[in-house]
Amino acid sequence: MHDPAANYFNCTERERAIFEAGIKLGTVYHQYVGVPINLSNLNSLENAIRESVMVQPFVQSAEVSIDPEMVKKRQGIYKYITLSGEMLKVKLSIKYGREEVVARLEYIPEMDYPLMHLDG
């Protein structure tokens, strides 16, 4: 794929793939955290997040899941809650040039934090 922005990046193909992965994970987190959810809309929201990521440049694959047990536990009197980072699990494969990286967003219990990191 021809990249018209390539001249604006002074980095390797791997560094660019990592940059793109960070942009995509940050977008997922900041766009969707706070969305109202309950058990009835988990699958449609997972699909919407996945599909929104898949249209972005350099994305090879995307997997998105929302922990239904957390949703069940936290539902209040109105039977919905808002999506939080610890409920999300996202795995992206990003390919730029000849380089491919796998990046994740997942809750790390020992850190008590939804961490964005590289898998490989």
C-alpha atoms as a PDB file:
ATOM      1  CA  MET A   1       0.000   0.000   0.000  1.00  0.00           C
ATOM      2  CA  HIS A   2       1.322   3.415  -0.932  1.00  0.00           C
ATOM      3  CA  ASP A   3       1.488   5.679   2.108  1.00  0.00           C
ATOM      4  CA  PRO A   4       1.303   9.387   1.217  1.00  0.00           C
ATOM      5  CA  ALA A   5       2.309  10.291   4.787  1.00  0.00           C
ATOM      6  CA  ALA A   6       5.503   8.203   4.765  1.00  0.00           C
ATOM      7  CA  ASN A   7       7.747  11.247   4.228  1.00  0.00           C
ATOM      8  CA  TYR A   8       6.512  12.750   7.494  1.00  0.00           C
ATOM      9  CA  PHE A   9       7.853   9.843   9.561  1.00  0.00           C
ATOM     10  CA  ASN A  10      11.542   9.543  10.283  1.00  0.00           C
ATOM     11  CA  CYS A  11      11.447   5.982  11.605  1.00  0.00           C
ATOM     12  CA  THR A  12      11.716   2.329  10.676  1.00  0.00           C
ATOM     13  CA  GLU A  13       8.789   0.315   9.365  1.00  0.00           C
ATOM     14  CA  ARG A  14       8.569  -1.467  12.737  1.00  0.00           C
ATOM     15  CA  GLU A  15       8.486   1.836  14.621  1.00  0.00           C
ATOM     16  CA  ARG A  16       5.732   3.064  12.316  1.00  0.00           C
ATOM     17  CA  ALA A  17       3.713  -0.142  12.856  1.00  0.00           C
ATOM     18  CA  ILE A  18       4.077   0.340  16.624  1.00  0.00           C
ATOM     19  CA  PHE A  19       3.018   3.995  16.324  1.00  0.00           C
ATOM     20  CA  GLU A  20      -0.059   2.982  14.327  1.00  0.00           C
ATOM     21  CA  ALA A  21      -0.947   0.312  16.898  1.00  0.00           C
ATOM     22  CA  GLY A  22      -0.785   2.893  19.692  1.00  0.00           C
ATOM     23  CA  ILE A  23      -3.026   5.282  17.772  1.00  0.00           C
ATOM     24  CA  LYS A  24      -5.624   2.574  17.186  1.00  0.00           C
ATOM     25  CA  LEU A  25      -5.661   1.299  20.787  1.00  0.00           C
ATOM     26  CA  GLY A  26      -5.843   4.842  22.149  1.00  0.00           C
ATOM     27  CA  THR A  27      -8.767   5.555  19.858  1.00  0.00           C
ATOM     28  CA  VAL A  28     -10.655   2.480  21.057  1.00  0.00           C
ATOM     29  CA  TYR A  29     -10.081   3.324  24.699  1.00  0.00           C
ATOM     30  CA  HIS A  30     -10.954   7.000  24.571  1.00  0.00           C
ATOM     31  CA  GLN A  31     -13.831   6.688  22.136  1.00  0.00           C
ATOM     32  CA  TYR A  32     -15.714   3.847  23.811  1.00  0.00           C
ATOM     33  CA  VAL A  33     -15.020   4.035  27.557  1.00  0.00           C
ATOM     34  CA  GLY A  34     -18.150   5.513  29.101  1.00  0.00           C
ATOM     35  CA  VAL A  35     -20.607   4.004  26.603  1.00  0.00           C
ATOM     36  CA  PRO A  36     -23.788   2.673  28.286  1.00  0.00           C
ATOM     37  CA  ILE A  37     -23.881  -1.137  28.210  1.00  0.00           C
ATOM     38  CA  ASN A  38     -25.768  -4.119  29.528  1.00  0.00           C
ATOM     39  CA  LEU A  39     -25.771  -7.775  28.605  1.00  0.00           C
ATOM     40  CA  SER A  40     -28.104  -7.162  25.654  1.00  0.00           C
ATOM     41  CA  ASN A  41     -25.712  -4.931  23.709  1.00  0.00           C
ATOM     42  CA  LEU A  42     -22.277  -6.466  24.452  1.00  0.00           C
ATOM     43  CA  ASN A  43     -21.996  -8.377  21.185  1.00  0.00           C
ATOM     44  CA  SER A  44     -23.134  -5.477  19.041  1.00  0.00           C
ATOM     45  CA  LEU A  45     -20.704  -3.106  20.800  1.00  0.00           C
ATOM     46  CA  GLU A  46     -17.820  -5.589  20.417  1.00  0.00           C
ATOM     47  CA  ASN A  47     -18.626  -5.826  16.699  1.00  0.00           C
ATOM     48  CA  ALA A  48     -18.932  -2.050  16.329  1.00  0.00           C
ATOM     49  CA  ILE A  49     -15.530  -1.496  17.966  1.00  0.00           C
ATOM     50  CA  ARG A  50     -13.940  -4.206  15.833  1.00  0.00           C
ATOM     51  CA  GLU A  51     -15.447  -2.853  12.614  1.00  0.00           C
ATOM     52  CA  SER A  52     -14.419   0.730  13.403  1.00  0.00           C
ATOM     53  CA  VAL A  53     -10.814  -0.381  13.933  1.00  0.00           C
ATOM     54  CA  MET A  54     -10.752  -2.556  10.817  1.00  0.00           C
ATOM     55  CA  VAL A  55     -11.421   0.395   8.476  1.00  0.00           C
ATOM     56  CA  GLN A  56      -8.322   2.225   9.702  1.00  0.00           C
ATOM     57  CA  PRO A  57      -5.080   2.016   7.688  1.00  0.00           C
ATOM     58  CA  PHE A  58      -2.644  -0.863   8.224  1.00  0.00           C
ATOM     59  CA  VAL A  59      -4.960  -2.979  10.420  1.00  0.00           C
ATOM     60  CA  GLN A  60      -4.755  -6.668   9.499  1.00  0.00           C
ATOM     61  CA  SER A  61      -7.036  -8.062  12.192  1.00  0.00           C
ATOM     62  CA  ALA A  62      -8.866  -7.023  15.338  1.00  0.00           C
ATOM     63  CA  GLU A  63     -10.401  -8.960  18.204  1.00  0.00           C
ATOM     64  CA  VAL A  64     -12.582  -7.241  20.798  1.00  0.00           C
ATOM     65  CA  SER A  65     -14.282  -8.663  23.865  1.00  0.00           C
ATOM     66  CA  ILE A  66     -16.080  -7.135  26.824  1.00  0.00           C
ATOM     67  CA  ASP A  67     -16.168  -9.123  30.069  1.00  0.00           C
ATOM     68  CA  PRO A  68     -19.826 -10.103  30.615  1.00  0.00           C
ATOM     69  CA  GLU A  69     -19.189 -11.156  34.245  1.00  0.00           C
ATOM     70  CA  MET A  70     -18.085  -7.641  35.148  1.00  0.00           C
ATOM     71  CA  VAL A  71     -21.189  -6.257  33.489  1.00  0.00           C
ATOM     72  CA  LYS A  72     -23.431  -8.666  35.435  1.00  0.00           C
ATOM     73  CA  LYS A  73     -21.803  -7.779  38.762  1.00  0.00           C
ATOM     74  CA  ARG A  74     -21.989  -4.012  38.331  1.00  0.00           C
ATOM     75  CA  GLN A  75     -25.471  -3.512  36.881  1.00  0.00           C
ATOM     76  CA  GLY A  76     -27.431  -1.206  39.119  1.00  0.00           C
ATOM     77  CA  ILE A  77     -31.102  -0.574  39.602  1.00  0.00           C
ATOM     78  CA  TYR A  78     -31.550   0.514  35.961  1.00  0.00           C
ATOM     79  CA  LYS A  79     -29.772  -2.621  34.656  1.00  0.00           C
ATOM     80  CA  TYR A  80     -26.990  -0.882  32.784  1.00  0.00           C
ATOM     81  CA  ILE A  81     -23.528   0.469  33.490  1.00  0.00           C
ATOM     82  CA  THR A  82     -20.900   2.315  31.494  1.00  0.00           C
ATOM     83  CA  LEU A  83     -18.018   0.561  29.801  1.00  0.00           C
ATOM     84  CA  SER A  84     -14.735   0.842  31.677  1.00  0.00           C
ATOM     85  CA  GLY A  85     -11.193   0.019  30.644  1.00  0.00           C
ATOM     86  CA  GLU A  86     -10.945  -3.051  32.834  1.00  0.00           C
ATOM     87  CA  MET A  87     -13.846  -4.674  30.947  1.00  0.00           C
ATOM     88  CA  LEU A  88     -12.173  -4.366  27.536  1.00  0.00           C
ATOM     89  CA  LYS A  89      -9.860  -6.848  25.879  1.00  0.00           C
ATOM     90  CA  VAL A  90      -8.554  -5.824  22.446  1.00  0.00           C
ATOM     91  CA  LYS A  91      -5.968  -7.488  20.225  1.00  0.00           C
ATOM     92  CA  LEU A  92      -4.798  -5.822  16.999  1.00  0.00           C
ATOM     93  CA  SER A  93      -2.457  -6.917  14.264  1.00  0.00           C
ATOM     94  CA  ILE A  94      -0.900  -3.978  12.421  1.00  0.00           C
ATOM     95  CA  LYS A  95       1.209  -4.324   9.294  1.00  0.00           C
ATOM     96  CA  TYR A  96       3.310  -1.526   7.888  1.00  0.00           C
ATOM     97  CA  GLY A  97       5.554  -2.383   4.969  1.00  0.00           C
ATOM     98  CA  ARG A  98       7.234  -5.676   5.790  1.00  0.00           C
ATOM     99  CA  GLU A  99       6.743  -5.336   9.547  1.00  0.00           C
ATOM    100  CA  GLU A 100       3.800  -6.683  11.537  1.00  0.00           C
ATOM    101  CA  VAL A 101       3.153  -6.093  15.239  1.00  0.00           C
ATOM    102  CA  VAL A 102       0.514  -7.383  17.621  1.00  0.00           C
ATOM    103  CA  ALA A 103      -0.728  -4.938  20.236  1.00  0.00           C
ATOM    104  CA  ARG A 104      -3.153  -5.431  23.097  1.00  0.00           C
ATOM    105  CA  LEU A 105      -5.332  -3.484  25.458  1.00  0.00           C
ATOM    106  CA  GLU A 106      -6.158  -5.565  28.514  1.00  0.00           C
ATOM    107  CA  TYR A 107      -6.696  -5.179  32.215  1.00  0.00           C
ATOM    108  CA  ILE A 108      -3.663  -6.268  34.259  1.00  0.00           C
ATOM    109  CA  PRO A 109      -4.941  -7.124  37.777  1.00  0.00           C
ATOM    110  CA  GLU A 110      -1.562  -6.843  39.527  1.00  0.00           C
ATOM    111  CA  MET A 111      -1.220  -3.317  38.141  1.00  0.00           C
ATOM    112  CA  ASP A 112      -4.954  -2.527  38.557  1.00  0.00           C
ATOM    113  CA  TYR A 113      -4.691  -0.886  35.152  1.00  0.00           C
ATOM    114  CA  PRO A 114      -5.975  -1.352  31.583  1.00  0.00           C
ATOM    115  CA  LEU A 115      -2.586  -1.570  29.839  1.00  0.00           C
ATOM    116  CA  MET A 116      -1.825  -1.021  26.162  1.00  0.00           C
ATOM    117  CA  HIS A 117       1.217  -3.097  25.214  1.00  0.00           C
ATOM    118  CA  LEU A 118       2.976  -5.000  22.458  1.00  0.00           C
ATOM    119  CA  ASP A 119       2.696  -8.744  22.120  1.00  0.00           C
ATOM    120  CA  GLY A 120       5.390  -9.192  19.548  1.00  0.00           C
END
